[in-house]
Protein backbone atom coordinates (compact mmCIF):
# COMPACT_ATOMS: atom_id res chain seq x y z
CA MET A 1 0.00 0.00 0.00
CA GLY A 2 2.85 2.36 0.79
CA ARG A 3 4.46 1.88 -2.63
CA LEU A 4 1.10 2.30 -4.38
CA ARG A 5 0.41 5.52 -2.47
CA GLN A 6 3.89 6.79 -3.28
CA GLY A 7 3.46 5.95 -6.97
CA LEU A 8 0.12 7.72 -7.20
CA THR A 9 1.51 10.77 -5.42
CA THR A 10 4.45 10.90 -7.82
CA ALA A 11 2.17 10.64 -10.86
CA ILE A 12 -0.08 13.41 -9.57
CA LEU A 13 2.84 15.71 -8.84
CA PHE A 14 4.34 14.96 -12.25
CA ALA A 15 1.04 15.74 -13.97
CA ALA A 16 0.79 19.03 -12.13
CA MET A 17 4.32 20.08 -13.12
CA THR A 18 4.51 19.16 -16.82
CA GLY A 19 3.44 22.53 -18.18
CA PRO A 20 0.19 24.13 -19.37
CA ALA A 21 -2.72 21.74 -19.31
CA GLY A 22 -5.49 21.32 -21.85
CA ALA A 23 -9.20 21.34 -21.22
CA ALA A 24 -11.29 18.33 -20.31
CA GLU A 25 -12.27 16.17 -23.28
CA LEU A 26 -15.87 17.37 -23.03
CA THR A 27 -14.79 21.01 -23.58
CA ARG A 28 -11.92 20.38 -25.99
CA ILE A 29 -12.12 21.90 -29.49
CA GLN A 30 -9.79 22.44 -32.43
CA SER A 31 -8.20 25.90 -32.46
CA ALA A 32 -6.19 27.81 -35.06
CA GLU A 33 -3.02 29.21 -33.47
CA PRO A 34 -0.85 32.04 -34.83
CA ASP A 35 2.06 29.63 -35.36
CA ASP A 36 -0.19 26.79 -36.55
CA PRO A 37 -3.32 28.08 -38.31
CA PHE A 38 -4.36 24.63 -39.56
CA ALA A 39 -5.92 22.27 -37.02
CA LEU A 40 -7.88 19.22 -38.14
CA GLN A 41 -9.08 16.18 -36.24
CA ILE A 42 -10.50 12.99 -37.77
CA SER A 43 -11.94 10.20 -35.67
CA VAL A 44 -13.68 6.90 -36.30
CA ARG A 45 -15.83 5.40 -33.56
CA TRP A 46 -17.76 2.21 -32.96
CA ASP A 47 -20.82 2.60 -30.73
CA HIS A 48 -22.75 -0.32 -29.27
CA THR A 49 -25.99 0.30 -27.36
CA GLN A 50 -28.29 -2.24 -25.78
CA GLU A 51 -31.64 -1.38 -24.21
CA ARG A 52 -33.86 -3.74 -22.22
CA ALA A 53 -37.22 -3.08 -20.59
CA THR A 54 -40.54 -4.48 -19.40
CA ILE A 55 -43.74 -3.40 -21.14
CA SER A 56 -47.00 -3.77 -19.21
CA ARG A 57 -50.62 -3.05 -20.07
CA GLU A 58 -53.52 -1.82 -18.02
CA GLN A 59 -56.24 -4.26 -17.14
CA ALA A 60 -59.62 -2.80 -16.22
CA TYR A 61 -61.74 -4.40 -13.50
CA ALA A 62 -65.48 -3.87 -13.29
CA PRO A 63 -67.66 -2.96 -11.45
CA ALA A 64 -65.05 -1.31 -9.18
CA ALA A 65 -63.74 0.67 -12.20
CA THR A 66 -60.14 0.08 -11.17
CA THR A 67 -57.12 -0.71 -13.30
CA GLU A 68 -53.92 -2.64 -12.73
CA ASP A 69 -50.74 -2.82 -14.80
CA LEU A 70 -49.98 -6.39 -15.85
CA ASN A 71 -46.68 -7.37 -17.43
CA GLU A 72 -46.94 -8.34 -21.09
CA LEU A 73 -43.61 -8.09 -22.90
CA ARG A 74 -39.86 -8.09 -22.54
CA TYR A 75 -38.38 -5.55 -24.93
CA SER A 76 -34.84 -5.21 -26.28
CA ARG A 77 -33.03 -3.07 -28.80
CA VAL A 78 -29.45 -3.56 -30.00
CA GLN A 79 -27.63 -0.92 -32.05
CA ASN A 80 -24.18 -0.99 -33.64
CA ASP A 81 -23.02 2.19 -35.38
CA PHE A 82 -19.79 3.22 -37.08
CA VAL A 83 -19.37 6.99 -36.78
CA THR A 84 -16.93 9.16 -38.73
CA ARG A 85 -16.28 12.62 -37.28
CA VAL A 86 -14.28 15.55 -38.64
CA ALA A 87 -13.46 18.73 -36.68
CA LEU A 88 -11.77 21.76 -38.28
CA ALA A 89 -10.52 24.95 -36.63
CA LEU A 90 -12.01 28.03 -38.28
CA TYR A 91 -10.35 30.56 -35.97
CA THR A 92 -8.80 30.75 -32.53
CA ASP A 93 -11.02 28.63 -30.26
CA VAL A 94 -13.71 28.27 -32.95
CA GLU A 95 -14.45 24.82 -34.38
CA LEU A 96 -16.61 23.47 -37.18
CA HIS A 97 -17.40 19.78 -36.85
CA ALA A 98 -19.53 17.15 -38.56
CA GLU A 99 -20.23 13.47 -38.08
CA LEU A 100 -22.02 10.82 -40.09
CA PRO A 101 -23.06 7.45 -38.64
CA TYR A 102 -23.46 4.21 -40.52
CA SER A 103 -25.86 1.78 -38.88
CA PHE A 104 -24.73 -1.83 -39.09
CA THR A 105 -27.61 -3.11 -36.96
CA ASP A 106 -30.54 -1.58 -35.11
CA ASP A 107 -32.70 -4.51 -34.12
CA VAL A 108 -35.84 -4.28 -32.00
CA ALA A 109 -37.23 -7.46 -30.42
CA TRP A 110 -40.07 -8.39 -28.08
CA ARG A 111 -41.45 -11.57 -26.55
CA PHE A 112 -43.83 -12.61 -23.80
CA GLY A 113 -42.61 -11.54 -20.38
CA THR A 114 -43.35 -12.93 -16.93
CA ARG A 115 -46.20 -12.15 -14.57
CA ASN A 116 -46.12 -13.04 -10.87
CA GLY A 117 -43.19 -15.34 -11.52
CA MET A 118 -44.97 -17.20 -14.32
CA PRO A 119 -44.39 -16.80 -18.06
CA VAL A 120 -47.07 -14.95 -20.00
CA SER A 121 -48.58 -17.04 -22.79
CA ALA A 122 -50.94 -16.60 -25.72
CA SER A 123 -53.85 -17.60 -23.48
CA THR A 124 -53.04 -15.06 -20.74
CA SER A 125 -51.80 -12.13 -22.82
CA SER A 126 -54.27 -9.33 -23.53
CA ILE A 127 -52.30 -8.67 -26.73
CA ALA A 128 -52.91 -12.17 -28.08
CA THR A 129 -56.53 -12.43 -26.84
CA ASN A 130 -57.61 -9.01 -28.08
CA GLY A 131 -61.08 -9.02 -29.64
CA ILE A 132 -61.63 -5.43 -30.85
CA ASP A 133 -60.32 -3.23 -33.63
CA ALA A 134 -59.14 0.39 -33.51
CA MET A 135 -62.77 1.57 -33.49
CA GLY A 136 -63.60 -0.44 -30.40
CA GLN A 137 -65.79 -2.79 -32.42
CA ALA A 138 -65.65 -6.57 -32.29
CA CYS A 139 -63.31 -8.12 -34.84
CA ALA A 140 -64.89 -10.19 -37.59
CA VAL A 141 -62.77 -13.11 -36.42
CA SER A 142 -61.86 -13.22 -32.74
CA PRO A 143 -59.37 -13.18 -31.23
CA CYS A 144 -57.52 -10.66 -33.38
CA PRO A 145 -54.07 -10.13 -31.78
CA LEU A 146 -52.69 -6.61 -31.81
CA PHE A 147 -49.43 -7.84 -33.33
CA PRO A 148 -47.38 -11.06 -33.47
CA VAL A 149 -45.77 -12.08 -30.18
CA SER A 150 -44.61 -15.43 -28.77
CA GLY A 151 -42.27 -16.89 -26.21
CA LYS A 152 -39.37 -16.34 -28.62
CA ASP A 153 -38.13 -13.02 -29.91
CA THR A 154 -40.11 -11.38 -32.67
CA THR A 155 -37.67 -8.98 -34.30
CA VAL A 156 -37.86 -6.02 -36.64
CA PHE A 157 -34.48 -5.50 -38.27
CA HIS A 158 -33.03 -2.10 -39.14
CA GLY A 159 -29.60 -1.13 -40.40
CA GLY A 160 -27.24 -1.35 -43.30
CA LYS A 161 -27.79 2.34 -44.09
CA LEU A 162 -26.37 5.77 -43.37
CA GLY A 163 -27.86 7.75 -40.51
CA ASP A 164 -28.52 11.46 -40.14
CA LEU A 165 -25.72 13.93 -40.78
CA ARG A 166 -24.90 16.09 -37.76
CA ALA A 167 -22.86 19.29 -37.97
CA GLY A 168 -22.21 22.26 -35.72
CA LEU A 169 -20.09 25.10 -34.40
CA ALA A 170 -18.38 25.34 -31.02
CA TRP A 171 -16.70 28.42 -29.51
CA ALA A 172 -14.55 28.57 -26.41
CA ILE A 173 -15.36 32.03 -25.06
CA PHE A 174 -12.73 31.50 -22.35
CA ASN A 175 -9.91 28.97 -22.42
CA ASP A 176 -8.01 28.13 -19.23
CA ARG A 177 -5.05 27.04 -21.33
CA ARG A 178 -4.64 30.67 -22.41
CA ASP A 179 -5.71 32.29 -19.15
CA ASP A 180 -5.54 30.06 -16.09
CA THR A 181 -7.50 32.60 -14.02
CA LYS A 182 -10.64 31.66 -15.96
CA PRO A 183 -12.36 28.37 -16.71
CA THR A 184 -12.84 27.02 -20.20
CA TRP A 185 -16.30 28.13 -21.24
CA LEU A 186 -17.69 26.47 -24.33
CA VAL A 187 -20.90 27.23 -26.21
CA GLY A 188 -22.11 25.42 -29.27
CA LEU A 189 -24.94 24.54 -31.60
CA ASP A 190 -25.30 21.21 -33.37
CA VAL A 191 -27.84 20.61 -36.13
CA THR A 192 -28.99 17.12 -37.13
CA PHE A 193 -30.15 17.07 -40.73
CA PRO A 194 -32.92 14.68 -41.89
CA THR A 195 -30.67 12.87 -44.36
CA ALA A 196 -31.40 9.25 -43.38
CA THR A 197 -34.03 7.27 -45.27
CA LEU A 198 -37.47 7.49 -43.62
CA TYR A 199 -38.74 4.52 -41.62
CA ASP A 200 -42.39 3.87 -42.46
CA PRO A 201 -43.63 1.37 -39.85
CA ALA A 202 -47.00 0.58 -41.47
CA THR A 203 -46.20 -0.26 -45.10
CA GLY A 204 -46.23 -3.89 -46.21
CA ARG A 205 -47.83 -5.46 -43.13
CA ASN A 206 -49.64 -8.75 -43.64
CA GLY A 207 -52.91 -10.06 -42.25
CA LEU A 208 -51.26 -10.88 -38.93
CA TRP A 209 -49.97 -7.28 -38.85
CA GLN A 210 -46.42 -8.55 -39.08
CA SER A 211 -43.75 -6.16 -40.32
CA PRO A 212 -42.08 -6.96 -43.67
CA ASN A 213 -38.81 -6.17 -41.89
CA ALA A 214 -39.18 -9.15 -39.57
CA VAL A 215 -36.55 -10.95 -41.67
CA ASP A 216 -32.86 -10.13 -41.49
CA SER A 217 -32.53 -9.95 -45.28
CA ASN A 218 -35.03 -7.07 -45.49
CA ARG A 219 -33.72 -4.46 -43.09
CA ALA A 220 -35.65 -1.24 -42.60
CA PRO A 221 -34.11 2.24 -42.43
CA SER A 222 -34.15 4.17 -39.15
CA GLY A 223 -34.62 7.73 -40.38
CA GLU A 224 -37.17 9.93 -38.61
CA LYS A 225 -37.00 12.91 -41.02
CA VAL A 226 -36.84 15.57 -38.32
CA TRP A 227 -34.52 18.49 -37.63
CA ARG A 228 -32.72 18.56 -34.28
CA TYR A 229 -31.16 21.73 -32.91
CA ASP A 230 -28.98 21.07 -29.87
CA PHE A 231 -27.72 24.15 -28.03
CA TYR A 232 -25.20 23.49 -25.28
CA THR A 233 -22.81 25.24 -22.93
CA ALA A 234 -20.09 23.72 -20.78
CA LEU A 235 -17.56 24.87 -18.17
CA SER A 236 -14.37 23.13 -17.06
CA LYS A 237 -11.43 24.23 -14.92
CA ARG A 238 -8.20 22.28 -14.60
CA ILE A 239 -6.84 22.21 -11.04
CA GLY A 240 -3.65 20.19 -11.06
CA PRO A 241 -4.56 16.64 -12.08
CA VAL A 242 -8.31 17.23 -11.62
CA ASP A 243 -10.53 18.81 -14.29
CA PRO A 244 -14.15 19.13 -13.10
CA TYR A 245 -16.83 20.21 -15.56
CA VAL A 246 -20.55 20.83 -16.02
CA LYS A 247 -22.62 20.89 -19.19
CA ALA A 248 -26.20 21.92 -19.94
CA HIS A 249 -28.08 21.42 -23.19
CA VAL A 250 -31.49 21.90 -24.76
CA THR A 251 -32.57 20.04 -27.91
CA ALA A 252 -35.47 21.22 -30.05
CA VAL A 253 -36.95 18.72 -32.52
CA LEU A 254 -38.78 20.20 -35.50
CA PRO A 255 -40.61 18.48 -38.36
CA SER A 256 -39.46 18.40 -41.95
CA SER A 257 -41.65 18.14 -45.03
CA SER A 258 -41.24 14.33 -44.85
CA THR A 259 -41.89 13.67 -41.15
CA TYR A 260 -44.04 10.57 -40.78
CA SER A 261 -47.63 10.71 -39.54
CA ASN A 262 -50.24 8.04 -38.81
CA CYS A 263 -52.46 9.94 -41.23
CA ASP A 264 -50.13 9.06 -44.10
CA HIS A 265 -51.90 5.71 -44.44
CA VAL A 266 -55.35 6.55 -43.12
CA GLY A 267 -57.12 5.31 -46.26
CA ASP A 268 -55.56 1.87 -45.83
CA LEU A 269 -55.46 1.55 -42.05
CA ALA A 270 -59.08 2.50 -41.36
CA ILE A 271 -60.41 -0.28 -43.63
CA PRO A 272 -59.86 -3.93 -42.66
CA ALA A 273 -57.62 -5.60 -45.26
CA ASN A 274 -55.71 -8.84 -45.75
CA GLY A 275 -57.51 -10.30 -42.77
CA ALA A 276 -56.12 -7.67 -40.38
CA PRO A 277 -58.58 -5.58 -38.33
CA ALA A 278 -58.91 -1.83 -38.82
CA GLN A 279 -55.88 0.00 -37.43
CA MET A 280 -57.49 3.47 -37.34
CA THR A 281 -61.04 4.73 -36.83
CA LEU A 282 -63.26 5.49 -39.82
CA ALA A 283 -63.57 9.02 -38.47
CA ALA A 284 -59.84 9.43 -39.04
CA ILE A 285 -60.40 9.39 -42.81
CA THR A 286 -62.28 12.67 -42.48
CA ASN A 287 -60.49 14.16 -39.48
CA CYS A 288 -56.92 13.66 -40.71
CA SER A 289 -57.59 16.24 -43.44
CA SER A 290 -60.16 18.41 -41.66
CA SER A 291 -59.54 22.07 -40.95
CA LYS A 292 -60.38 21.45 -37.28
CA TRP A 293 -57.37 19.16 -36.80
CA LYS A 294 -54.88 20.53 -39.32
CA ASP A 295 -51.44 19.97 -37.79
CA ASP A 296 -52.85 18.53 -34.55
CA ALA A 297 -53.23 15.13 -36.17
CA LYS A 298 -49.58 14.96 -37.22
CA ALA A 299 -46.57 13.88 -35.21
CA LYS A 300 -45.96 15.90 -32.05
CA LEU A 301 -42.24 16.08 -31.43
CA PRO A 302 -40.52 16.20 -28.03
CA PHE A 303 -37.91 18.54 -26.66
CA VAL A 304 -35.01 17.41 -24.48
CA ALA A 305 -33.15 19.29 -21.73
CA GLY A 306 -30.33 17.92 -19.65
CA LEU A 307 -27.42 18.42 -17.27
CA THR A 308 -24.09 16.62 -16.98
CA PHE A 309 -21.67 16.82 -14.05
CA GLY A 310 -18.29 15.16 -14.06
CA THR A 311 -14.57 15.31 -13.65
CA GLU A 312 -11.55 14.20 -15.59
CA LEU A 313 -8.60 12.77 -13.65
CA VAL A 314 -5.15 13.10 -15.25
CA PRO A 315 -2.53 10.87 -13.61
CA PHE A 316 -0.02 11.50 -16.39
CA GLU A 317 0.58 14.28 -18.90
CA ASP A 318 3.63 15.41 -20.84
CA THR A 319 2.71 18.49 -22.86
CA ALA A 320 6.12 18.65 -24.54
CA GLU A 321 5.60 15.20 -26.09
CA GLY A 322 1.85 15.59 -26.43
CA GLN A 323 1.19 12.55 -24.26
CA LYS A 324 -1.63 12.17 -21.77
CA VAL A 325 -3.59 9.58 -19.83
CA SER A 326 -6.93 10.60 -18.35
CA PHE A 327 -10.00 9.03 -16.79
CA ASP A 328 -13.43 10.59 -17.18
CA PHE A 329 -16.34 10.08 -14.76
CA ARG A 330 -19.70 11.78 -15.08
CA ALA A 331 -23.37 11.63 -14.14
CA PHE A 332 -26.12 12.89 -16.43
CA ALA A 333 -29.87 13.43 -16.51
CA ASP A 334 -32.11 14.32 -19.47
CA TYR A 335 -35.78 15.29 -19.45
CA THR A 336 -37.77 14.29 -22.56
CA SER A 337 -41.17 15.92 -22.97
CA SER A 338 -44.36 14.12 -23.98
CA SER A 339 -44.82 13.47 -27.69
CA ARG A 340 -46.57 11.54 -30.43
CA PHE A 341 -43.67 9.91 -32.21
CA TYR A 342 -41.73 6.69 -32.67
CA ASN A 343 -41.41 4.76 -29.41
CA GLU A 344 -40.84 1.24 -28.11
CA LEU A 345 -44.23 0.07 -29.41
CA THR A 346 -43.86 1.37 -32.95
CA ASP A 347 -42.05 -1.60 -34.52
CA ALA A 348 -44.66 -3.99 -33.14
CA SER A 349 -47.78 -1.87 -33.69
CA GLY A 350 -46.81 -0.10 -36.94
CA LYS A 351 -47.93 3.25 -35.51
CA LEU A 352 -46.72 6.42 -33.84
CA HIS A 353 -47.94 6.59 -30.24
CA TYR A 354 -48.37 9.12 -27.49
CA THR A 355 -45.37 8.90 -25.15
CA ASP A 356 -45.47 10.41 -21.67
CA ALA A 357 -42.64 12.64 -20.42
CA TYR A 358 -39.76 10.83 -18.71
CA LEU A 359 -36.27 11.24 -17.24
CA THR A 360 -33.13 9.45 -18.41
CA MET A 361 -30.44 9.21 -15.72
CA GLY A 362 -27.11 7.47 -15.76
CA GLY A 363 -23.38 7.35 -15.30
CA PHE A 364 -20.48 7.43 -17.75
CA ALA A 365 -16.82 6.42 -17.60
CA GLY A 366 -14.10 7.00 -20.16
CA VAL A 367 -10.41 6.31 -20.68
CA TYR A 368 -8.41 8.57 -23.01
CA LEU A 369 -4.92 7.56 -24.09
CA LYS A 370 -2.97 10.15 -26.05
CA ALA A 371 0.20 8.59 -27.48
CA SER A 372 1.33 11.81 -29.15
CA ARG A 373 -0.11 15.07 -30.37
CA TRP A 374 -1.26 13.22 -33.50
CA VAL A 375 -2.67 9.90 -32.26
CA SER A 376 -5.03 8.98 -29.42
CA LEU A 377 -7.40 6.21 -28.41
CA GLN A 378 -10.63 6.47 -26.46
CA ALA A 379 -12.86 3.92 -24.75
CA THR A 380 -16.12 4.77 -23.01
CA ALA A 381 -19.02 3.03 -21.29
CA SER A 382 -22.30 4.23 -19.80
CA LEU A 383 -25.25 2.75 -17.94
CA ALA A 384 -28.58 4.56 -17.73
CA THR A 385 -32.23 4.06 -16.87
CA LYS A 386 -35.48 5.75 -17.85
CA THR A 387 -38.30 6.46 -15.45
CA SER A 388 -41.49 4.47 -16.00
CA HIS A 389 -43.87 6.18 -18.42
CA TRP A 390 -46.83 5.58 -20.71
CA LEU A 391 -46.22 4.38 -24.27
CA SER A 392 -49.80 5.04 -25.34
CA GLY A 393 -52.72 7.16 -24.20
CA GLU A 394 -53.90 9.56 -26.89
CA SER A 395 -56.65 11.97 -25.90
CA LEU A 396 -60.08 10.99 -27.17
CA GLY A 397 -60.54 14.29 -28.96
CA LYS A 398 -61.56 17.91 -28.74
CA GLY A 399 -64.56 19.11 -26.81
CA LYS A 400 -66.60 17.32 -24.16
CA GLY A 401 -70.00 17.22 -25.77
CA SER A 402 -69.61 15.84 -29.26
CA VAL A 403 -67.02 13.11 -28.84
CA PRO A 404 -69.04 10.83 -26.53
CA ALA A 405 -71.96 11.11 -28.99
CA CYS A 406 -69.77 9.57 -31.68
CA SER A 407 -70.84 6.05 -30.82
CA ASP A 408 -70.70 4.67 -34.35
CA LEU A 409 -67.20 6.10 -34.98
CA SER A 410 -68.18 6.95 -38.53
CA GLY A 411 -66.84 9.83 -40.58
CA ALA A 412 -70.00 11.85 -39.94
CA SER A 413 -69.96 15.36 -38.53
CA ALA A 414 -70.83 13.95 -35.11
CA CYS A 415 -67.28 12.57 -34.99
CA ALA A 416 -65.51 15.76 -36.05
CA ASP A 417 -63.95 16.15 -32.59
CA LEU A 418 -62.53 12.62 -32.48
CA ASN A 419 -58.73 12.47 -32.43
CA PRO A 420 -57.76 10.56 -35.62
CA ASN A 421 -54.81 9.02 -33.75
CA PHE A 422 -57.02 7.60 -31.00
CA ASP A 423 -57.09 3.79 -31.04
CA TRP A 424 -59.38 2.05 -28.56
CA ARG A 425 -56.96 -0.89 -28.29
CA TYR A 426 -54.02 1.25 -27.19
CA ASP A 427 -55.36 4.54 -25.86
CA ALA A 428 -58.57 3.87 -23.95
CA PRO A 429 -58.15 3.70 -20.14
CA GLY A 430 -57.72 0.05 -19.28
CA ASN A 431 -55.84 -0.69 -22.50
CA ARG A 432 -52.83 1.65 -22.27
CA PHE A 433 -49.23 0.40 -22.40
CA ARG A 434 -46.45 1.37 -19.99
CA ILE A 435 -42.69 0.81 -19.99
CA SER A 436 -40.61 0.23 -16.87
CA GLU A 437 -37.41 -1.42 -15.61
CA VAL A 438 -35.46 0.21 -18.44
CA SER A 439 -31.71 -0.29 -18.67
CA VAL A 440 -29.54 1.22 -21.40
CA PHE A 441 -25.93 0.05 -21.66
CA SER A 442 -23.50 1.62 -24.14
CA VAL A 443 -19.84 1.16 -25.01
CA GLY A 444 -17.73 3.00 -27.54
CA VAL A 445 -14.19 2.74 -28.92
CA ALA A 446 -12.60 5.48 -31.03
CA GLY A 447 -9.35 6.19 -32.80
CA VAL A 448 -8.39 9.85 -33.29
CA LEU A 449 -5.91 11.51 -35.63
CA THR A 450 -5.02 15.18 -35.10
CA PHE A 451 -3.16 17.24 -37.68
């Protein structure tokens, strides 16, 4: 123990005495210097993310008019991306950067879960024993399952395509490498462009409402065709071998001209076809295009706001040789607002759903090895969870008088207030879906060249 303590003390003292220190990795940018106006960084990164969760569904009990969440599904998603990133110094402490991911795999799977220690089966699952269509009417042939599910994974495969291009500007208003009386203060704006191919979850479904992308040889794209504007600011201040930092960000998500909507297929989904029950109400045919609903029937996109706190520990640094070893530890939390958009039910149901607001909280660890001023390696890992939240639960419609009178769910004027996205199987109290026990594990490995 004495030798270990002595070694650590020596490394810390050495790191504190090796000359001017750089900023934490989170606040580091490329900068054009008077003696070196060209600064370029190219990195390639592999990202692996795995999400697991439990999906439950309300069960209504009469005559007490109570509900209880009963486990239905185990959900998983596995992503593997190869990301190329380029960062170029435009001026002193001003950086232009861009990155483009290539998705190797993005596979979503679900199967029957467990309930009270016993496996759920086709005879006990409300998904498999469902007997109504989207209009709340009895199916012509009952039962009419909501979507295929069994004791083995049912998978919708995505991948083999480029993702959305992301580009942005970052400016270090202060830089503690230039003035050690001030922290490094970074502000930036990243824009995600809707360049990836749109994922249409409803097209090509068969009479069992199975996705055509349920086979590995027919992978779907993952594009959402939305614009994302991520504004962020971060502070870090190197104190010897310790570099604490904090970051805040807000992300606005805005639609493009190609953003998907449930109304895109209303003519097909509201009419039973291929043996599948109606997937939208008949009233939706009229209401999707009515002046009363206009944009209200389209996708409703979320916004995200978050905070990150962390510190970078530097046991070794030699600025003369451009060498550095550092360890990064952080905690983060993001708030995602309610929305009507792609969620964990979309691949199974073929629809956009209402998603309740939720928090994502987790921890992150990273190791950064800088062999020289030109070459470095990075390895990171994170573990996060999401708070339990609803995956369905559209409002019935507008107004309190006319919607209940719409008993036949036709396209008549009596149904003009009915929300065209409302589906009695997913959104009525007693039928809503909820996600819980979410775990998200990610690892990443990157190689970086700096010129």
